[in-house]
Amino acid sequence: MRTIRIILISMFFFLNSFLAAGCWNYREIDQLAVVAGVAIDKGKNEKFTITVEIVETTSGKEQQTKSKTVTIEGKTIFDAVRHEISLIGKRIYWSHAKVVIISKEIARDGILEVIDWFNRDAETRSDIHILVSKEKSAREILNAKGPTEEVTSFLLDDVITNERSVSNAPHIEVWRFTNSLAAKGVGTIAGAVDLKEENGQSRPHIMGTAIFKDDRLMGFIDGDETKYMLFIQDEVKGGVLVEEINSNGGKVSAVTLEIFKSHTKVNPAINDGKVEMKIEVEVSTAIDELGSTINFIEDEGRMALEEMAEKSLKKNIEGIIKKVQTEYGVDIFGFGTKLKEEKNKEWKTISGDWEENFKQLKVNVETKINIKNSAMLSKPLEIGD
């Protein structure tokens, strides 16, 4: 895996730099427990239960990287981490930690204390990814192992990185989450993770978005809804749009459009003294899969498909806006930030009650789909009589 190779290389240079400087010796290096990721749950006896995934490398002809998890409770995050050191018997090294997984219970009560520890601790990184577990605990995500016994945290890091080309989950690090908490008029989000059965085994599955009001979890939206949220935020880097078509005879078939490029403009406007938002989305695509006998390759068919896709995209973007306004009332789209930047005078008059104003905000959506040279160069297949 790409992440494991990077970690091993960086560990090699890290160890050699210290040894070359004469600061540490091999015995001191051996006393390090390299953390790949951490899960945070509510404790039974104490406030927190902390589970860390420790990287273990085996020497020999074929070097392998595996991991083990260690769990302990504490009154605070720092308290649990210090207890973990005595349990492991090694100094915990945080610089290679890739993910922090937070349970629903902790998230619903508020994760300010968790975020504060990651920001204050000198050894943790601000670019560690934040995920909220949809399972009963965060710990069971880290404990899920595949057939190759890979390091779960590194696997999750790879998935998060690649997810940007699928657009089904947000890419949120500690620093980004912290900035959202501090900003007025911005809702806070994180990626969602659960377990799915694959070949008889439970595997971590990143899909969807956790929505926060301040630092408290309000609920989740699924992967498809997340994609349309990302369109609004101008964060779509790839993925697909699936358009259902009513073919001759009433049969429903699907056409898949691969997204190559997407650009969104969000502009506030004042209409009859009221603030509105205008969203313009333009997407470049190509037909990747054609499950219909209708000819969408020629100009007439392609233009008809573009129009259908534009209507669907508009409907889905409007749908996620309405859902978030009515069910959560949290501005996860950044409308308040745009308003502050471009209409500061108006923002000052409504920012004090932005939550209510956001719920009533009128949003106008315009979409443009361009279907470029198709991956399907030939006409659709037809079954002969």
Protein backbone atom coordinates (compact mmCIF):
# COMPACT_ATOMS: atom_id res chain seq x y z
CA MET A 1 0.00 0.00 0.00
CA ARG A 2 1.12 3.50 -0.81
CA THR A 3 0.73 4.78 2.76
CA ILE A 4 2.74 1.92 4.25
CA ARG A 5 5.60 2.51 1.81
CA ILE A 6 5.65 6.20 2.70
CA ILE A 7 5.59 5.43 6.42
CA LEU A 8 8.42 2.91 6.17
CA ILE A 9 10.57 5.30 4.13
CA SER A 10 9.94 8.22 6.48
CA MET A 11 10.62 6.02 9.51
CA PHE A 12 13.91 4.95 7.90
CA PHE A 13 15.03 8.56 7.47
CA PHE A 14 13.72 9.47 10.93
CA LEU A 15 15.72 6.72 12.60
CA ASN A 16 18.86 7.37 10.60
CA SER A 17 18.77 11.10 11.23
CA PHE A 18 18.66 10.60 14.98
CA LEU A 19 21.28 7.88 14.99
CA ALA A 20 23.59 9.88 12.74
CA ALA A 21 23.27 12.85 15.06
CA GLY A 22 24.23 10.64 17.96
CA CYS A 23 21.12 11.67 19.88
CA TRP A 24 19.52 8.26 20.21
CA ASN A 25 20.72 4.68 20.04
CA TYR A 26 19.01 1.54 18.80
CA ARG A 27 17.79 0.63 22.26
CA GLU A 28 16.00 3.98 22.56
CA ILE A 29 14.46 3.55 19.10
CA ASP A 30 13.18 0.14 20.13
CA GLN A 31 11.28 1.80 22.96
CA LEU A 32 9.02 3.71 20.54
CA ALA A 33 5.44 2.63 19.86
CA VAL A 34 4.48 4.15 16.50
CA VAL A 35 0.77 5.06 16.45
CA ALA A 36 -1.09 4.65 13.16
CA GLY A 37 -4.49 5.78 14.41
CA VAL A 38 -6.67 6.25 17.48
CA ALA A 39 -10.30 5.55 18.39
CA ILE A 40 -12.08 7.46 21.15
CA ASP A 41 -15.12 6.06 22.96
CA LYS A 42 -17.00 6.71 26.18
CA GLY A 43 -15.50 4.87 29.11
CA LYS A 44 -17.36 2.54 31.46
CA ASN A 45 -15.56 3.68 34.59
CA GLU A 46 -13.81 6.82 33.34
CA LYS A 47 -14.82 9.54 30.88
CA PHE A 48 -12.86 8.22 27.89
CA THR A 49 -11.77 4.89 26.45
CA ILE A 50 -8.80 5.32 24.12
CA THR A 51 -7.73 2.66 21.62
CA VAL A 52 -4.48 3.16 19.73
CA GLU A 53 -3.34 1.11 16.75
CA ILE A 54 0.39 0.39 17.05
CA VAL A 55 2.50 -0.41 13.98
CA GLU A 56 4.58 -3.57 14.19
CA THR A 57 7.20 -4.34 11.54
CA THR A 58 8.78 -7.76 11.17
CA SER A 59 12.32 -8.09 9.90
CA GLY A 60 13.54 -10.80 7.59
CA LYS A 61 13.61 -11.61 3.92
CA GLU A 62 10.19 -10.05 3.36
CA GLN A 63 9.49 -7.15 5.69
CA GLN A 64 5.86 -7.04 6.78
CA THR A 65 3.90 -4.32 8.50
CA LYS A 66 1.12 -5.39 10.85
CA SER A 67 -0.52 -3.80 13.85
CA LYS A 68 -2.05 -4.38 17.24
CA THR A 69 -4.56 -2.33 19.22
CA VAL A 70 -4.26 -1.34 22.87
CA THR A 71 -7.22 0.02 24.88
CA ILE A 72 -7.31 1.87 28.20
CA GLU A 73 -9.56 4.33 30.06
CA GLY A 74 -8.81 7.76 31.48
CA LYS A 75 -10.43 10.82 33.04
CA THR A 76 -9.10 12.91 30.14
CA ILE A 77 -7.49 12.13 26.77
CA PHE A 78 -4.07 12.99 28.19
CA ASP A 79 -4.69 10.84 31.26
CA ALA A 80 -5.63 7.82 29.10
CA VAL A 81 -2.62 8.30 26.82
CA ARG A 82 -0.25 8.41 29.79
CA HIS A 83 -1.80 5.23 31.21
CA GLU A 84 -1.36 3.63 27.81
CA ILE A 85 2.39 4.27 27.95
CA SER A 86 2.65 2.26 31.17
CA LEU A 87 0.55 -0.52 29.64
CA ILE A 88 2.58 -0.72 26.42
CA GLY A 89 5.91 -0.15 28.11
CA LYS A 90 7.09 2.17 25.35
CA ARG A 91 6.99 5.86 24.54
CA ILE A 92 4.08 6.57 22.18
CA TYR A 93 5.16 8.23 18.93
CA TRP A 94 2.30 10.18 17.30
CA SER A 95 3.86 11.78 14.23
CA HIS A 96 2.69 9.02 11.85
CA ALA A 97 -0.90 8.86 13.15
CA LYS A 98 -3.30 9.13 10.21
CA VAL A 99 -6.84 9.00 11.60
CA VAL A 100 -8.82 9.73 14.74
CA ILE A 101 -12.15 7.90 14.91
CA ILE A 102 -14.73 9.29 17.31
CA SER A 103 -17.77 7.38 18.55
CA LYS A 104 -21.32 8.68 18.10
CA GLU A 105 -21.72 8.89 21.89
CA ILE A 106 -18.68 11.12 22.31
CA ALA A 107 -19.62 13.21 19.27
CA ARG A 108 -23.19 13.81 20.50
CA ASP A 109 -21.90 15.02 23.86
CA GLY A 110 -19.35 17.31 22.21
CA ILE A 111 -15.81 16.75 20.93
CA LEU A 112 -14.21 20.06 21.92
CA GLU A 113 -12.06 18.33 24.53
CA VAL A 114 -10.86 15.81 21.93
CA ILE A 115 -10.02 18.48 19.34
CA ASP A 116 -8.36 20.63 22.00
CA TRP A 117 -6.00 17.80 22.97
CA PHE A 118 -4.95 17.18 19.37
CA ASN A 119 -4.29 20.89 18.90
CA ARG A 120 -2.31 21.30 22.11
CA ASP A 121 -0.23 18.13 22.15
CA ALA A 122 3.22 18.81 20.72
CA GLU A 123 3.56 15.39 19.05
CA THR A 124 0.23 15.04 17.24
CA ARG A 125 -0.27 16.39 13.70
CA SER A 126 -2.91 18.90 12.66
CA ASP A 127 -3.48 17.08 9.34
CA ILE A 128 -4.76 13.88 10.96
CA HIS A 129 -8.15 12.90 9.46
CA ILE A 130 -11.32 13.00 11.58
CA LEU A 131 -13.97 10.29 11.17
CA VAL A 132 -17.14 9.62 13.15
CA SER A 133 -18.09 5.97 13.66
CA LYS A 134 -21.67 4.99 12.84
CA GLU A 135 -21.15 1.70 14.69
CA LYS A 136 -21.73 1.25 18.44
CA SER A 137 -18.11 2.17 19.11
CA ALA A 138 -15.12 3.70 17.37
CA ARG A 139 -12.90 0.91 18.65
CA GLU A 140 -14.51 -1.76 16.46
CA ILE A 141 -13.49 0.18 13.33
CA LEU A 142 -9.81 -0.04 14.30
CA ASN A 143 -10.18 -3.69 15.26
CA ALA A 144 -11.58 -4.68 11.86
CA LYS A 145 -8.94 -6.65 9.96
CA GLY A 146 -8.85 -7.86 6.39
CA PRO A 147 -7.35 -11.05 4.97
CA THR A 148 -3.90 -9.43 4.68
CA GLU A 149 -3.95 -8.11 8.26
CA GLU A 150 -3.10 -4.64 6.98
CA VAL A 151 -2.80 -1.63 9.27
CA THR A 152 -6.40 -0.43 9.45
CA SER A 153 -5.50 3.24 9.98
CA PHE A 154 -3.27 3.27 6.90
CA LEU A 155 -6.04 1.59 4.91
CA LEU A 156 -8.47 4.31 6.01
CA ASP A 157 -5.95 7.01 5.06
CA ASP A 158 -5.67 5.54 1.56
CA VAL A 159 -9.46 5.37 1.23
CA ILE A 160 -9.86 9.00 2.36
CA THR A 161 -7.25 10.13 -0.16
CA ASN A 162 -8.88 8.19 -3.00
CA GLU A 163 -12.39 9.18 -1.88
CA ARG A 164 -11.73 12.66 -3.25
CA SER A 165 -12.01 11.20 -6.74
CA VAL A 166 -15.34 9.56 -5.84
CA SER A 167 -16.91 12.46 -3.90
CA ASN A 168 -18.88 10.37 -1.39
CA ALA A 169 -17.23 11.68 1.80
CA PRO A 170 -15.61 14.95 2.89
CA HIS A 171 -11.85 15.26 3.42
CA ILE A 172 -11.62 16.80 6.91
CA GLU A 173 -8.48 17.14 9.02
CA VAL A 174 -8.11 18.40 12.61
CA TRP A 175 -6.99 21.87 11.47
CA ARG A 176 -9.96 22.23 9.11
CA PHE A 177 -12.41 21.10 11.79
CA THR A 178 -10.85 23.55 14.26
CA ASN A 179 -11.14 26.44 11.82
CA SER A 180 -14.81 25.64 11.20
CA LEU A 181 -15.51 25.64 14.93
CA ALA A 182 -13.92 29.07 15.27
CA ALA A 183 -15.67 30.61 12.25
CA LYS A 184 -19.07 32.25 12.49
CA GLY A 185 -21.61 31.21 9.89
CA VAL A 186 -19.95 27.88 9.06
CA GLY A 187 -21.28 24.47 10.03
CA THR A 188 -18.81 21.76 10.98
CA ILE A 189 -18.59 18.38 9.26
CA ALA A 190 -16.50 15.21 9.32
CA GLY A 191 -16.35 11.97 7.36
CA ALA A 192 -18.50 9.01 8.44
CA VAL A 193 -17.27 5.43 8.75
CA ASP A 194 -18.99 2.11 9.41
CA LEU A 195 -18.43 -1.60 8.78
CA LYS A 196 -19.59 -3.57 5.74
CA GLU A 197 -19.50 -7.30 5.16
CA GLU A 198 -17.07 -8.32 2.40
CA ASN A 199 -16.34 -12.00 1.79
CA GLY A 200 -17.58 -12.88 5.26
CA GLN A 201 -15.47 -10.23 7.02
CA SER A 202 -16.31 -6.81 8.42
CA ARG A 203 -14.37 -4.11 6.60
CA PRO A 204 -14.18 -0.35 7.31
CA HIS A 205 -16.30 1.64 4.87
CA ILE A 206 -16.02 5.44 4.59
CA MET A 207 -19.19 6.93 3.17
CA GLY A 208 -21.25 10.01 4.01
CA THR A 209 -20.94 13.00 6.31
CA ALA A 210 -21.35 13.66 10.03
CA ILE A 211 -23.00 17.05 10.66
CA PHE A 212 -22.18 19.06 13.78
CA LYS A 213 -23.76 22.06 15.44
CA ASP A 214 -20.78 23.67 17.11
CA ASP A 215 -18.95 20.59 18.44
CA ARG A 216 -21.99 18.33 18.91
CA LEU A 217 -23.10 15.69 16.41
CA MET A 218 -26.54 16.36 14.94
CA GLY A 219 -26.77 13.47 12.48
CA PHE A 220 -25.56 12.05 9.18
CA ILE A 221 -26.18 12.40 5.46
CA ASP A 222 -25.40 9.52 3.11
CA GLY A 223 -22.82 9.26 0.32
CA ASP A 224 -25.07 10.47 -2.50
CA GLU A 225 -26.25 13.46 -0.46
CA THR A 226 -22.63 14.19 0.41
CA LYS A 227 -21.76 14.38 -3.29
CA TYR A 228 -24.30 17.17 -3.83
CA MET A 229 -23.06 18.96 -0.71
CA LEU A 230 -19.55 18.81 -2.19
CA PHE A 231 -20.86 20.25 -5.47
CA ILE A 232 -22.05 23.31 -3.53
CA GLN A 233 -18.70 23.60 -1.72
CA ASP A 234 -16.82 23.29 -5.05
CA GLU A 235 -15.05 20.22 -3.67
CA VAL A 236 -16.03 17.62 -6.30
CA LYS A 237 -12.84 16.19 -7.82
CA GLY A 238 -14.38 13.23 -9.64
CA GLY A 239 -17.04 10.56 -9.42
CA VAL A 240 -20.12 9.74 -11.48
CA LEU A 241 -23.63 10.98 -12.16
CA VAL A 242 -26.20 8.27 -12.91
CA GLU A 243 -29.19 9.30 -15.01
CA GLU A 244 -32.21 6.98 -15.13
CA ILE A 245 -33.88 6.90 -18.54
CA ASN A 246 -37.37 5.73 -19.50
CA SER A 247 -36.74 3.78 -22.70
CA ASN A 248 -39.27 2.58 -25.24
CA GLY A 249 -41.87 0.34 -23.67
CA GLY A 250 -41.53 2.02 -20.26
CA LYS A 251 -38.35 0.16 -19.33
CA VAL A 252 -36.06 2.11 -16.99
CA SER A 253 -32.35 2.00 -17.80
CA ALA A 254 -29.35 3.99 -16.62
CA VAL A 255 -26.65 6.11 -18.22
CA THR A 256 -23.47 6.76 -16.23
CA LEU A 257 -21.62 10.04 -16.70
CA GLU A 258 -18.04 10.21 -15.43
CA ILE A 259 -17.11 13.58 -13.90
CA PHE A 260 -13.85 15.03 -15.19
CA LYS A 261 -14.14 18.58 -13.97
CA SER A 262 -16.54 20.57 -11.83
CA HIS A 263 -16.67 24.24 -10.92
CA THR A 264 -19.15 25.98 -8.65
CA LYS A 265 -19.76 29.67 -8.05
CA VAL A 266 -21.76 30.77 -5.01
CA ASN A 267 -22.83 34.41 -4.96
CA PRO A 268 -25.06 36.23 -2.48
CA ALA A 269 -27.66 38.66 -3.82
CA ILE A 270 -30.18 41.09 -2.36
CA ASN A 271 -33.69 40.83 -3.77
CA ASP A 272 -36.47 43.07 -2.40
CA GLY A 273 -34.34 43.70 0.67
CA LYS A 274 -33.85 39.99 1.37
CA VAL A 275 -30.65 37.98 1.11
CA GLU A 276 -30.60 35.14 -1.42
CA MET A 277 -27.88 32.81 -2.65
CA LYS A 278 -27.22 31.94 -6.27
CA ILE A 279 -25.38 28.71 -7.06
CA GLU A 280 -23.98 28.03 -10.53
CA VAL A 281 -22.54 24.56 -11.16
CA GLU A 282 -20.79 23.57 -14.38
CA VAL A 283 -19.67 19.97 -14.87
CA SER A 284 -17.63 18.37 -17.65
CA THR A 285 -18.45 14.69 -18.15
CA ALA A 286 -18.28 11.80 -20.59
CA ILE A 287 -20.63 8.84 -21.07
CA ASP A 288 -18.93 5.98 -19.28
CA GLU A 289 -21.70 3.37 -19.36
CA LEU A 290 -24.75 3.28 -21.60
CA GLY A 291 -27.52 0.99 -20.41
CA SER A 292 -30.07 2.19 -22.94
CA THR A 293 -30.79 1.56 -26.61
CA ILE A 294 -31.39 5.29 -27.10
CA ASN A 295 -28.61 6.92 -29.13
CA PHE A 296 -27.02 9.54 -26.86
CA ILE A 297 -23.80 9.67 -28.88
CA GLU A 298 -25.12 11.82 -31.73
CA ASP A 299 -25.66 15.54 -31.12
CA GLU A 300 -29.43 15.42 -30.68
CA GLY A 301 -29.36 12.57 -28.18
CA ARG A 302 -26.37 14.02 -26.33
CA MET A 303 -28.07 17.40 -25.91
CA ALA A 304 -31.21 15.70 -24.60
CA LEU A 305 -29.11 13.75 -22.09
CA GLU A 306 -27.33 16.92 -20.98
CA GLU A 307 -30.68 18.57 -20.31
CA MET A 308 -31.94 15.59 -18.29
CA ALA A 309 -28.71 15.45 -16.28
CA GLU A 310 -28.87 19.20 -15.59
CA LYS A 311 -32.41 18.87 -14.21
CA SER A 312 -31.41 15.91 -12.02
CA LEU A 313 -28.34 17.69 -10.66
CA LYS A 314 -30.37 20.82 -9.91
CA LYS A 315 -33.05 18.77 -8.15
CA ASN A 316 -30.52 16.87 -6.03
CA ILE A 317 -28.61 20.00 -5.01
CA GLU A 318 -31.86 21.72 -4.05
CA GLY A 319 -32.86 18.57 -2.17
CA ILE A 320 -29.79 18.44 0.07
CA ILE A 321 -30.05 22.17 0.81
CA LYS A 322 -33.69 21.77 1.85
CA LYS A 323 -32.93 18.70 3.96
CA VAL A 324 -30.12 20.40 5.86
CA GLN A 325 -32.19 23.56 6.36
CA THR A 326 -35.21 21.70 7.75
CA GLU A 327 -33.63 18.77 9.62
CA TYR A 328 -30.40 20.26 10.97
CA GLY A 329 -30.52 24.05 10.57
CA VAL A 330 -26.72 24.18 10.28
CA ASP A 331 -24.97 26.02 7.44
CA ILE A 332 -22.56 23.31 6.27
CA PHE A 333 -22.39 24.89 2.81
CA GLY A 334 -20.53 28.06 3.82
CA PHE A 335 -23.26 30.47 2.71
CA GLY A 336 -22.61 32.66 5.76
CA THR A 337 -18.92 32.92 4.90
CA LYS A 338 -19.73 34.00 1.34
CA LEU A 339 -22.20 36.56 2.62
CA LYS A 340 -19.65 37.96 5.06
CA GLU A 341 -17.02 38.23 2.31
CA GLU A 342 -19.19 39.83 -0.36
CA LYS A 343 -22.10 41.50 1.45
CA ASN A 344 -20.60 42.40 4.80
CA LYS A 345 -23.10 45.16 5.56
CA GLU A 346 -26.04 42.80 5.14
CA TRP A 347 -24.18 40.05 6.99
CA LYS A 348 -23.80 42.24 10.07
CA THR A 349 -27.55 42.77 10.23
CA ILE A 350 -28.45 39.07 10.15
CA SER A 351 -25.38 37.27 11.54
CA GLY A 352 -26.67 37.43 15.11
CA ASP A 353 -29.52 35.11 14.16
CA TRP A 354 -27.89 33.32 11.23
CA GLU A 355 -29.22 29.91 12.24
CA GLU A 356 -32.84 31.02 11.75
CA ASN A 357 -31.97 33.09 8.68
CA PHE A 358 -30.21 30.10 7.14
CA LYS A 359 -33.32 27.95 7.58
CA GLN A 360 -35.38 30.49 5.62
CA LEU A 361 -32.69 31.36 3.05
CA LYS A 362 -33.81 31.24 -0.58
CA VAL A 363 -31.28 29.50 -2.80
CA ASN A 364 -31.41 29.58 -6.60
CA VAL A 365 -29.55 26.78 -8.38
CA GLU A 366 -28.39 26.75 -12.00
CA THR A 367 -26.62 23.75 -13.52
CA LYS A 368 -24.74 23.14 -16.75
CA ILE A 369 -23.64 19.68 -17.89
CA ASN A 370 -21.20 19.31 -20.77
CA ILE A 371 -20.80 15.83 -22.25
CA LYS A 372 -17.41 15.69 -23.96
CA ASN A 373 -15.89 12.96 -26.13
CA SER A 374 -17.54 9.83 -24.86
CA ALA A 375 -15.77 6.72 -23.65
CA MET A 376 -18.53 4.97 -25.60
CA LEU A 377 -17.48 5.86 -29.15
CA SER A 378 -19.96 3.59 -30.88
CA LYS A 379 -23.74 3.62 -30.91
CA PRO A 380 -25.58 1.60 -28.24
CA LEU A 381 -25.91 -2.12 -28.81
CA GLU A 382 -29.27 -3.38 -30.00
CA ILE A 383 -30.68 -6.88 -29.75
CA GLY A 384 -31.86 -8.19 -33.11
CA ASP A 385 -35.34 -9.52 -33.72
